[in-house]
Full PDB file with SEQRES, HELIX, SHEET, SSBOND, CRYST1, ORIGX, SCALE, CONECT and MASTER records, all heavy atoms in Angstrom:
SEQRES   1 A   37  LEU ALA GLY ILE THR ASN ASP SER SER MET ALA VAL SER          
SEQRES   2 A   37  PRO VAL PHE TRP SER LEU LEU GLY ILE GLY ILE ALA CYS          
SEQRES   3 A   37  ASN ALA TYR ASN ALA SER GLN ILE PRO ASN SER                  
HELIX    1 AA1 ALA A    2  ILE A    4  5                                   3    
HELIX    2 AA2 SER A   13  SER A   32  1                                  20    
CRYST1    1.000    1.000    1.000  90.00  90.00  90.00 P 1           1          
ORIGX1      1.000000  0.000000  0.000000        0.00000                         
ORIGX2      0.000000  1.000000  0.000000        0.00000                         
ORIGX3      0.000000  0.000000  1.000000        0.00000                         
SCALE1      1.000000  0.000000  0.000000        0.00000                         
SCALE2      0.000000  1.000000  0.000000        0.00000                         
SCALE3      0.000000  0.000000  1.000000        0.00000                         
ATOM      1  N   LEU A   1       0.834  -1.203   0.000  1.00  0.00           N  
ATOM      2  CA  LEU A   1       0.000   0.000   0.000  1.00  0.00           C  
ATOM      3  C   LEU A   1       0.874   1.261   0.000  1.00  0.00           C  
ATOM      4  O   LEU A   1       0.608   2.210  -0.736  1.00  0.00           O  
ATOM      5  CB  LEU A   1      -0.923  -0.007   1.217  1.00  0.00           C  
ATOM      6  CG  LEU A   1      -2.010  -1.095   1.225  1.00  0.00           C  
ATOM      7  CD1 LEU A   1      -2.731  -1.114   2.570  1.00  0.00           C  
ATOM      8  CD2 LEU A   1      -3.006  -0.873   0.090  1.00  0.00           C  
ATOM      9  N   ALA A   2       1.913   1.251   0.824  1.00  0.00           N  
ATOM     10  CA  ALA A   2       2.822   2.407   0.867  1.00  0.00           C  
ATOM     11  C   ALA A   2       3.528   2.593  -0.464  1.00  0.00           C  
ATOM     12  O   ALA A   2       3.886   3.713  -0.841  1.00  0.00           O  
ATOM     13  CB  ALA A   2       3.846   2.229   1.988  1.00  0.00           C  
ATOM     14  N   GLY A   3       3.722   1.493  -1.206  1.00  0.00           N  
ATOM     15  CA  GLY A   3       4.400   1.544  -2.488  1.00  0.00           C  
ATOM     16  C   GLY A   3       3.644   2.296  -3.557  1.00  0.00           C  
ATOM     17  O   GLY A   3       4.217   2.654  -4.591  1.00  0.00           O  
ATOM     18  N   ILE A   4       2.370   2.573  -3.317  1.00  0.00           N  
ATOM     19  CA  ILE A   4       1.601   3.359  -4.284  1.00  0.00           C  
ATOM     20  C   ILE A   4       2.163   4.763  -4.393  1.00  0.00           C  
ATOM     21  O   ILE A   4       2.225   5.346  -5.478  1.00  0.00           O  
ATOM     22  CB  ILE A   4       0.113   3.406  -3.874  1.00  0.00           C  
ATOM     23  CG1 ILE A   4      -0.492   1.994  -3.912  1.00  0.00           C  
ATOM     24  CG2 ILE A   4      -0.672   4.349  -4.785  1.00  0.00           C  
ATOM     25  CD1 ILE A   4      -1.893   1.919  -3.347  1.00  0.00           C  
ATOM     26  N   THR A   5       2.617   5.314  -3.266  1.00  0.00           N  
ATOM     27  CA  THR A   5       3.119   6.689  -3.256  1.00  0.00           C  
ATOM     28  C   THR A   5       4.584   6.801  -2.853  1.00  0.00           C  
ATOM     29  O   THR A   5       5.091   7.903  -2.691  1.00  0.00           O  
ATOM     30  CB  THR A   5       2.287   7.560  -2.289  1.00  0.00           C  
ATOM     31  OG1 THR A   5       2.384   7.005  -0.970  1.00  0.00           O  
ATOM     32  CG2 THR A   5       0.829   7.602  -2.705  1.00  0.00           C  
ATOM     33  N   ASN A   6       5.266   5.664  -2.695  1.00  0.00           N  
ATOM     34  CA  ASN A   6       6.677   5.680  -2.323  1.00  0.00           C  
ATOM     35  C   ASN A   6       7.453   4.710  -3.202  1.00  0.00           C  
ATOM     36  O   ASN A   6       6.913   3.723  -3.701  1.00  0.00           O  
ATOM     37  CB  ASN A   6       6.855   5.295  -0.854  1.00  0.00           C  
ATOM     38  CG  ASN A   6       6.361   6.370   0.091  1.00  0.00           C  
ATOM     39  OD1 ASN A   6       7.035   7.358   0.344  1.00  0.00           O  
ATOM     40  ND2 ASN A   6       5.157   6.183   0.613  1.00  0.00           N  
ATOM     41  N   ASP A   7       8.749   4.977  -3.335  1.00  0.00           N  
ATOM     42  CA  ASP A   7       9.598   4.167  -4.205  1.00  0.00           C  
ATOM     43  C   ASP A   7      10.231   3.016  -3.444  1.00  0.00           C  
ATOM     44  O   ASP A   7      10.256   2.980  -2.213  1.00  0.00           O  
ATOM     45  CB  ASP A   7      10.725   5.033  -4.780  1.00  0.00           C  
ATOM     46  CG  ASP A   7      10.225   6.338  -5.326  1.00  0.00           C  
ATOM     47  OD1 ASP A   7       9.773   6.343  -6.470  1.00  0.00           O  
ATOM     48  OD2 ASP A   7      10.268   7.346  -4.602  1.00  0.00           O  
ATOM     49  N   SER A   8      10.781   2.107  -4.212  1.00  0.00           N  
ATOM     50  CA  SER A   8      11.674   1.110  -3.638  1.00  0.00           C  
ATOM     51  C   SER A   8      12.978   1.820  -3.279  1.00  0.00           C  
ATOM     52  O   SER A   8      13.432   2.705  -3.998  1.00  0.00           O  
ATOM     53  CB  SER A   8      11.942  -0.006  -4.652  1.00  0.00           C  
ATOM     54  OG  SER A   8      12.883  -0.928  -4.156  1.00  0.00           O  
ATOM     55  N   SER A   9      13.573   1.439  -2.170  1.00  0.00           N  
ATOM     56  CA  SER A   9      14.805   2.090  -1.715  1.00  0.00           C  
ATOM     57  C   SER A   9      15.632   1.108  -0.893  1.00  0.00           C  
ATOM     58  O   SER A   9      15.084   0.243  -0.199  1.00  0.00           O  
ATOM     59  CB  SER A   9      14.472   3.315  -0.858  1.00  0.00           C  
ATOM     60  OG  SER A   9      15.622   3.815  -0.203  1.00  0.00           O  
ATOM     61  N   MET A  10      16.949   1.266  -0.964  1.00  0.00           N  
ATOM     62  CA  MET A  10      17.840   0.439  -0.145  1.00  0.00           C  
ATOM     63  C   MET A  10      17.554   0.602   1.340  1.00  0.00           C  
ATOM     64  O   MET A  10      17.914  -0.249   2.138  1.00  0.00           O  
ATOM     65  CB  MET A  10      19.304   0.818  -0.411  1.00  0.00           C  
ATOM     66  CG  MET A  10      19.966   0.110  -1.579  1.00  0.00           C  
ATOM     67  SD  MET A  10      19.824  -1.681  -1.568  1.00  0.00           S  
ATOM     68  CE  MET A  10      20.455  -2.094   0.034  1.00  0.00           C  
ATOM     69  N   ALA A  11      16.911   1.683   1.708  1.00  0.00           N  
ATOM     70  CA  ALA A  11      16.638   1.945   3.118  1.00  0.00           C  
ATOM     71  C   ALA A  11      15.595   0.988   3.682  1.00  0.00           C  
ATOM     72  O   ALA A  11      15.652   0.633   4.866  1.00  0.00           O  
ATOM     73  CB  ALA A  11      16.187   3.389   3.309  1.00  0.00           C  
ATOM     74  N   VAL A  12      14.601   0.580   2.863  1.00  0.00           N  
ATOM     75  CA  VAL A  12      13.481  -0.199   3.383  1.00  0.00           C  
ATOM     76  C   VAL A  12      13.160  -1.462   2.586  1.00  0.00           C  
ATOM     77  O   VAL A  12      12.611  -2.422   3.148  1.00  0.00           O  
ATOM     78  CB  VAL A  12      12.203   0.663   3.483  1.00  0.00           C  
ATOM     79  CG1 VAL A  12      12.335   1.717   4.566  1.00  0.00           C  
ATOM     80  CG2 VAL A  12      11.882   1.324   2.143  1.00  0.00           C  
ATOM     81  N   SER A  13      13.477  -1.490   1.301  1.00  0.00           N  
ATOM     82  CA  SER A  13      13.085  -2.631   0.475  1.00  0.00           C  
ATOM     83  C   SER A  13      13.698  -3.958   0.911  1.00  0.00           C  
ATOM     84  O   SER A  13      13.018  -4.991   0.855  1.00  0.00           O  
ATOM     85  CB  SER A  13      13.418  -2.356  -0.998  1.00  0.00           C  
ATOM     86  OG  SER A  13      12.579  -1.331  -1.498  1.00  0.00           O  
ATOM     87  N   PRO A  14      14.967  -4.005   1.361  1.00  0.00           N  
ATOM     88  CA  PRO A  14      15.485  -5.282   1.854  1.00  0.00           C  
ATOM     89  C   PRO A  14      14.670  -5.844   3.017  1.00  0.00           C  
ATOM     90  O   PRO A  14      14.528  -7.065   3.147  1.00  0.00           O  
ATOM     91  CB  PRO A  14      16.909  -4.921   2.303  1.00  0.00           C  
ATOM     92  CG  PRO A  14      17.289  -3.767   1.431  1.00  0.00           C  
ATOM     93  CD  PRO A  14      16.032  -2.966   1.299  1.00  0.00           C  
ATOM     94  N   VAL A  15      14.116  -4.955   3.849  1.00  0.00           N  
ATOM     95  CA  VAL A  15      13.268  -5.405   4.953  1.00  0.00           C  
ATOM     96  C   VAL A  15      11.985  -6.021   4.400  1.00  0.00           C  
ATOM     97  O   VAL A  15      11.541  -7.088   4.850  1.00  0.00           O  
ATOM     98  CB  VAL A  15      12.932  -4.234   5.903  1.00  0.00           C  
ATOM     99  CG1 VAL A  15      11.939  -4.680   6.984  1.00  0.00           C  
ATOM    100  CG2 VAL A  15      14.206  -3.698   6.543  1.00  0.00           C  
ATOM    101  N   PHE A  16      11.384  -5.367   3.397  1.00  0.00           N  
ATOM    102  CA  PHE A  16      10.168  -5.904   2.782  1.00  0.00           C  
ATOM    103  C   PHE A  16      10.409  -7.287   2.198  1.00  0.00           C  
ATOM    104  O   PHE A  16       9.642  -8.225   2.445  1.00  0.00           O  
ATOM    105  CB  PHE A  16       9.677  -4.955   1.693  1.00  0.00           C  
ATOM    106  CG  PHE A  16       8.688  -5.588   0.736  1.00  0.00           C  
ATOM    107  CD1 PHE A  16       7.408  -5.900   1.152  1.00  0.00           C  
ATOM    108  CD2 PHE A  16       9.065  -5.881  -0.574  1.00  0.00           C  
ATOM    109  CE1 PHE A  16       6.500  -6.499   0.275  1.00  0.00           C  
ATOM    110  CE2 PHE A  16       8.165  -6.473  -1.459  1.00  0.00           C  
ATOM    111  CZ  PHE A  16       6.880  -6.790  -1.027  1.00  0.00           C  
ATOM    112  N   TRP A  17      11.459  -7.420   1.389  1.00  0.00           N  
ATOM    113  CA  TRP A  17      11.705  -8.706   0.738  1.00  0.00           C  
ATOM    114  C   TRP A  17      12.057  -9.789   1.746  1.00  0.00           C  
ATOM    115  O   TRP A  17      11.721 -10.974   1.540  1.00  0.00           O  
ATOM    116  CB  TRP A  17      12.802  -8.555  -0.310  1.00  0.00           C  
ATOM    117  CG  TRP A  17      12.343  -7.810  -1.524  1.00  0.00           C  
ATOM    118  CD1 TRP A  17      12.473  -6.478  -1.781  1.00  0.00           C  
ATOM    119  CD2 TRP A  17      11.642  -8.354  -2.651  1.00  0.00           C  
ATOM    120  NE1 TRP A  17      11.903  -6.143  -2.992  1.00  0.00           N  
ATOM    121  CE2 TRP A  17      11.382  -7.272  -3.545  1.00  0.00           C  
ATOM    122  CE3 TRP A  17      11.209  -9.626  -2.999  1.00  0.00           C  
ATOM    123  CZ2 TRP A  17      10.725  -7.452  -4.757  1.00  0.00           C  
ATOM    124  CZ3 TRP A  17      10.542  -9.801  -4.209  1.00  0.00           C  
ATOM    125  CH2 TRP A  17      10.312  -8.741  -5.060  1.00  0.00           C  
ATOM    126  N   SER A  18      12.705  -9.425   2.832  1.00  0.00           N  
ATOM    127  CA  SER A  18      12.995 -10.396   3.897  1.00  0.00           C  
ATOM    128  C   SER A  18      11.711 -10.863   4.565  1.00  0.00           C  
ATOM    129  O   SER A  18      11.518 -12.062   4.808  1.00  0.00           O  
ATOM    130  CB  SER A  18      13.940  -9.784   4.930  1.00  0.00           C  
ATOM    131  OG  SER A  18      15.189  -9.463   4.366  1.00  0.00           O  
ATOM    132  N   LEU A  19      10.826  -9.919   4.876  1.00  0.00           N  
ATOM    133  CA  LEU A  19       9.549 -10.283   5.479  1.00  0.00           C  
ATOM    134  C   LEU A  19       8.711 -11.125   4.520  1.00  0.00           C  
ATOM    135  O   LEU A  19       7.993 -12.045   4.941  1.00  0.00           O  
ATOM    136  CB  LEU A  19       8.780  -9.024   5.886  1.00  0.00           C  
ATOM    137  CG  LEU A  19       9.365  -8.235   7.067  1.00  0.00           C  
ATOM    138  CD1 LEU A  19       8.616  -6.923   7.261  1.00  0.00           C  
ATOM    139  CD2 LEU A  19       9.328  -9.066   8.343  1.00  0.00           C  
ATOM    140  N   LEU A  20       8.800 -10.822   3.239  1.00  0.00           N  
ATOM    141  CA  LEU A  20       8.098 -11.610   2.239  1.00  0.00           C  
ATOM    142  C   LEU A  20       8.638 -13.046   2.221  1.00  0.00           C  
ATOM    143  O   LEU A  20       7.866 -14.016   2.162  1.00  0.00           O  
ATOM    144  CB  LEU A  20       8.277 -10.954   0.867  1.00  0.00           C  
ATOM    145  CG  LEU A  20       7.433 -11.455  -0.304  1.00  0.00           C  
ATOM    146  CD1 LEU A  20       5.954 -11.431   0.028  1.00  0.00           C  
ATOM    147  CD2 LEU A  20       7.712 -10.605  -1.538  1.00  0.00           C  
ATOM    148  N   GLY A  21       9.961 -13.172   2.286  1.00  0.00           N  
ATOM    149  CA  GLY A  21      10.572 -14.498   2.331  1.00  0.00           C  
ATOM    150  C   GLY A  21      10.200 -15.252   3.593  1.00  0.00           C  
ATOM    151  O   GLY A  21       9.913 -16.466   3.560  1.00  0.00           O  
ATOM    152  N   ILE A  22      10.201 -14.549   4.729  1.00  0.00           N  
ATOM    153  CA  ILE A  22       9.803 -15.182   5.993  1.00  0.00           C  
ATOM    154  C   ILE A  22       8.350 -15.636   5.908  1.00  0.00           C  
ATOM    155  O   ILE A  22       7.992 -16.732   6.370  1.00  0.00           O  
ATOM    156  CB  ILE A  22       9.995 -14.197   7.165  1.00  0.00           C  
ATOM    157  CG1 ILE A  22      11.485 -13.936   7.395  1.00  0.00           C  
ATOM    158  CG2 ILE A  22       9.355 -14.739   8.446  1.00  0.00           C  
ATOM    159  CD1 ILE A  22      11.763 -12.783   8.337  1.00  0.00           C  
ATOM    160  N   GLY A  23       7.503 -14.795   5.324  1.00  0.00           N  
ATOM    161  CA  GLY A  23       6.099 -15.153   5.170  1.00  0.00           C  
ATOM    162  C   GLY A  23       5.913 -16.403   4.343  1.00  0.00           C  
ATOM    163  O   GLY A  23       5.107 -17.290   4.691  1.00  0.00           O  
ATOM    164  N   ILE A  24       6.650 -16.525   3.244  1.00  0.00           N  
ATOM    165  CA  ILE A  24       6.549 -17.707   2.389  1.00  0.00           C  
ATOM    166  C   ILE A  24       7.094 -18.942   3.107  1.00  0.00           C  
ATOM    167  O   ILE A  24       6.514 -20.037   3.015  1.00  0.00           O  
ATOM    168  CB  ILE A  24       7.280 -17.461   1.062  1.00  0.00           C  
ATOM    169  CG1 ILE A  24       6.487 -16.452   0.225  1.00  0.00           C  
ATOM    170  CG2 ILE A  24       7.481 -18.757   0.283  1.00  0.00           C  
ATOM    171  CD1 ILE A  24       7.182 -15.992  -1.024  1.00  0.00           C  
ATOM    172  N   ALA A  25       8.193 -18.772   3.845  1.00  0.00           N  
ATOM    173  CA  ALA A  25       8.741 -19.888   4.608  1.00  0.00           C  
ATOM    174  C   ALA A  25       7.742 -20.370   5.661  1.00  0.00           C  
ATOM    175  O   ALA A  25       7.555 -21.584   5.854  1.00  0.00           O  
ATOM    176  CB  ALA A  25      10.052 -19.471   5.279  1.00  0.00           C  
ATOM    177  N   CYS A  26       7.093 -19.431   6.338  1.00  0.00           N  
ATOM    178  CA  CYS A  26       6.089 -19.792   7.337  1.00  0.00           C  
ATOM    179  C   CYS A  26       4.884 -20.462   6.680  1.00  0.00           C  
ATOM    180  O   CYS A  26       4.334 -21.442   7.221  1.00  0.00           O  
ATOM    181  CB  CYS A  26       5.642 -18.550   8.115  1.00  0.00           C  
ATOM    182  SG  CYS A  26       6.890 -17.877   9.233  1.00  0.00           S  
ATOM    183  N   ASN A  27       4.461 -19.943   5.538  1.00  0.00           N  
ATOM    184  CA  ASN A  27       3.347 -20.559   4.823  1.00  0.00           C  
ATOM    185  C   ASN A  27       3.663 -22.005   4.454  1.00  0.00           C  
ATOM    186  O   ASN A  27       2.835 -22.907   4.615  1.00  0.00           O  
ATOM    187  CB  ASN A  27       3.031 -19.772   3.546  1.00  0.00           C  
ATOM    188  CG  ASN A  27       2.221 -18.516   3.808  1.00  0.00           C  
ATOM    189  OD1 ASN A  27       2.109 -18.072   4.945  1.00  0.00           O  
ATOM    190  ND2 ASN A  27       1.675 -17.935   2.758  1.00  0.00           N  
ATOM    191  N   ALA A  28       4.875 -22.218   3.938  1.00  0.00           N  
ATOM    192  CA  ALA A  28       5.280 -23.562   3.534  1.00  0.00           C  
ATOM    193  C   ALA A  28       5.317 -24.502   4.738  1.00  0.00           C  
ATOM    194  O   ALA A  28       4.861 -25.653   4.660  1.00  0.00           O  
ATOM    195  CB  ALA A  28       6.641 -23.512   2.850  1.00  0.00           C  
ATOM    196  N   TYR A  29       5.843 -24.013   5.841  1.00  0.00           N  
ATOM    197  CA  TYR A  29       5.882 -24.830   7.063  1.00  0.00           C  
ATOM    198  C   TYR A  29       4.464 -25.140   7.541  1.00  0.00           C  
ATOM    199  O   TYR A  29       4.135 -26.296   7.843  1.00  0.00           O  
ATOM    200  CB  TYR A  29       6.655 -24.102   8.162  1.00  0.00           C  
ATOM    201  CG  TYR A  29       6.687 -24.867   9.469  1.00  0.00           C  
ATOM    202  CD1 TYR A  29       7.708 -25.774   9.727  1.00  0.00           C  
ATOM    203  CD2 TYR A  29       5.696 -24.689  10.431  1.00  0.00           C  
ATOM    204  CE1 TYR A  29       7.731 -26.491  10.918  1.00  0.00           C  
ATOM    205  CE2 TYR A  29       5.704 -25.390  11.624  1.00  0.00           C  
ATOM    206  CZ  TYR A  29       6.727 -26.297  11.861  1.00  0.00           C  
ATOM    207  OH  TYR A  29       6.737 -27.010  13.030  1.00  0.00           O  
ATOM    208  N   ASN A  30       3.626 -24.116   7.629  1.00  0.00           N  
ATOM    209  CA  ASN A  30       2.265 -24.320   8.136  1.00  0.00           C  
ATOM    210  C   ASN A  30       1.455 -25.219   7.209  1.00  0.00           C  
ATOM    211  O   ASN A  30       0.653 -26.036   7.668  1.00  0.00           O  
ATOM    212  CB  ASN A  30       1.564 -22.966   8.292  1.00  0.00           C  
ATOM    213  CG  ASN A  30       2.168 -22.137   9.412  1.00  0.00           C  
ATOM    214  OD1 ASN A  30       2.564 -22.660  10.442  1.00  0.00           O  
ATOM    215  ND2 ASN A  30       2.268 -20.827   9.197  1.00  0.00           N  
ATOM    216  N   ALA A  31       1.673 -25.088   5.894  1.00  0.00           N  
ATOM    217  CA  ALA A  31       0.980 -25.962   4.940  1.00  0.00           C  
ATOM    218  C   ALA A  31       1.411 -27.409   5.117  1.00  0.00           C  
ATOM    219  O   ALA A  31       0.614 -28.332   4.929  1.00  0.00           O  
ATOM    220  CB  ALA A  31       1.262 -25.500   3.518  1.00  0.00           C  
ATOM    221  N   SER A  32       2.676 -27.620   5.506  1.00  0.00           N  
ATOM    222  CA  SER A  32       3.180 -28.988   5.682  1.00  0.00           C  
ATOM    223  C   SER A  32       2.578 -29.668   6.908  1.00  0.00           C  
ATOM    224  O   SER A  32       2.606 -30.886   7.018  1.00  0.00           O  
ATOM    225  CB  SER A  32       4.706 -28.962   5.808  1.00  0.00           C  
ATOM    226  OG  SER A  32       5.101 -28.464   7.074  1.00  0.00           O  
ATOM    227  N   GLN A  33       2.039 -28.857   7.812  1.00  0.00           N  
ATOM    228  CA  GLN A  33       1.460 -29.413   9.028  1.00  0.00           C  
ATOM    229  C   GLN A  33      -0.033 -29.717   8.881  1.00  0.00           C  
ATOM    230  O   GLN A  33      -0.632 -30.321   9.764  1.00  0.00           O  
ATOM    231  CB  GLN A  33       1.641 -28.425  10.191  1.00  0.00           C  
ATOM    232  CG  GLN A  33       3.059 -27.943  10.396  1.00  0.00           C  
ATOM    233  CD  GLN A  33       4.045 -29.072  10.600  1.00  0.00           C  
ATOM    234  OE1 GLN A  33       3.876 -29.890  11.504  1.00  0.00           O  
ATOM    235  NE2 GLN A  33       5.058 -29.147   9.759  1.00  0.00           N  
ATOM    236  N   ILE A  34      -0.605 -29.278   7.755  1.00  0.00           N  
ATOM    237  CA  ILE A  34      -2.042 -29.441   7.560  1.00  0.00           C  
ATOM    238  C   ILE A  34      -2.275 -30.350   6.363  1.00  0.00           C  
ATOM    239  O   ILE A  34      -1.970 -29.971   5.226  1.00  0.00           O  
ATOM    240  CB  ILE A  34      -2.728 -28.084   7.308  1.00  0.00           C  
ATOM    241  CG1 ILE A  34      -2.381 -27.106   8.436  1.00  0.00           C  
ATOM    242  CG2 ILE A  34      -4.240 -28.256   7.189  1.00  0.00           C  
ATOM    243  CD1 ILE A  34      -2.855 -25.695   8.162  1.00  0.00           C  
ATOM    244  N   PRO A  35      -2.793 -31.549   6.550  1.00  0.00           N  
ATOM    245  CA  PRO A  35      -3.055 -32.455   5.429  1.00  0.00           C  
ATOM    246  C   PRO A  35      -3.979 -31.810   4.402  1.00  0.00           C  
ATOM    247  O   PRO A  35      -4.944 -31.142   4.754  1.00  0.00           O  
ATOM    248  CB  PRO A  35      -3.732 -33.661   6.096  1.00  0.00           C  
ATOM    249  CG  PRO A  35      -3.308 -33.596   7.524  1.00  0.00           C  
ATOM    250  CD  PRO A  35      -3.161 -32.143   7.838  1.00  0.00           C  
ATOM    251  N   ASN A  36      -3.649 -32.016   3.115  1.00  0.00           N  
ATOM    252  CA  ASN A  36      -4.461 -31.516   1.995  1.00  0.00           C  
ATOM    253  C   ASN A  36      -4.603 -29.993   2.010  1.00  0.00           C  
ATOM    254  O   ASN A  36      -5.576 -29.446   1.507  1.00  0.00           O  
ATOM    255  CB  ASN A  36      -5.860 -32.149   2.001  1.00  0.00           C  
ATOM    256  CG  ASN A  36      -5.788 -33.652   1.894  1.00  0.00           C  
ATOM    257  OD1 ASN A  36      -4.990 -34.189   1.129  1.00  0.00           O  
ATOM    258  ND2 ASN A  36      -6.606 -34.348   2.672  1.00  0.00           N  
ATOM    259  N   SER A  37      -3.651 -29.293   2.640  1.00  0.00           N  
ATOM    260  CA  SER A  37      -3.713 -27.830   2.663  1.00  0.00           C  
ATOM    261  C   SER A  37      -3.353 -27.274   1.303  1.00  0.00           C  
ATOM    262  O   SER A  37      -2.769 -27.945   0.466  1.00  0.00           O  
ATOM    263  CB  SER A  37      -2.739 -27.270   3.714  1.00  0.00           C  
ATOM    264  OG  SER A  37      -1.425 -27.602   3.369  1.00  0.00           O  
TER     265      SER A  37                                                      
MASTER        0    0    0    2    0    0    0    6  264    1    0    3          
END                                                                             
């Protein structure tokens, strides 16, 4: 949402992509714990 009016920047974008990676890792882990997820 903030990206609508703000740019990608070395100041904050690495944090975003890290959180995105953590989110995907957590999703994959949680999906592995739920049959047929």
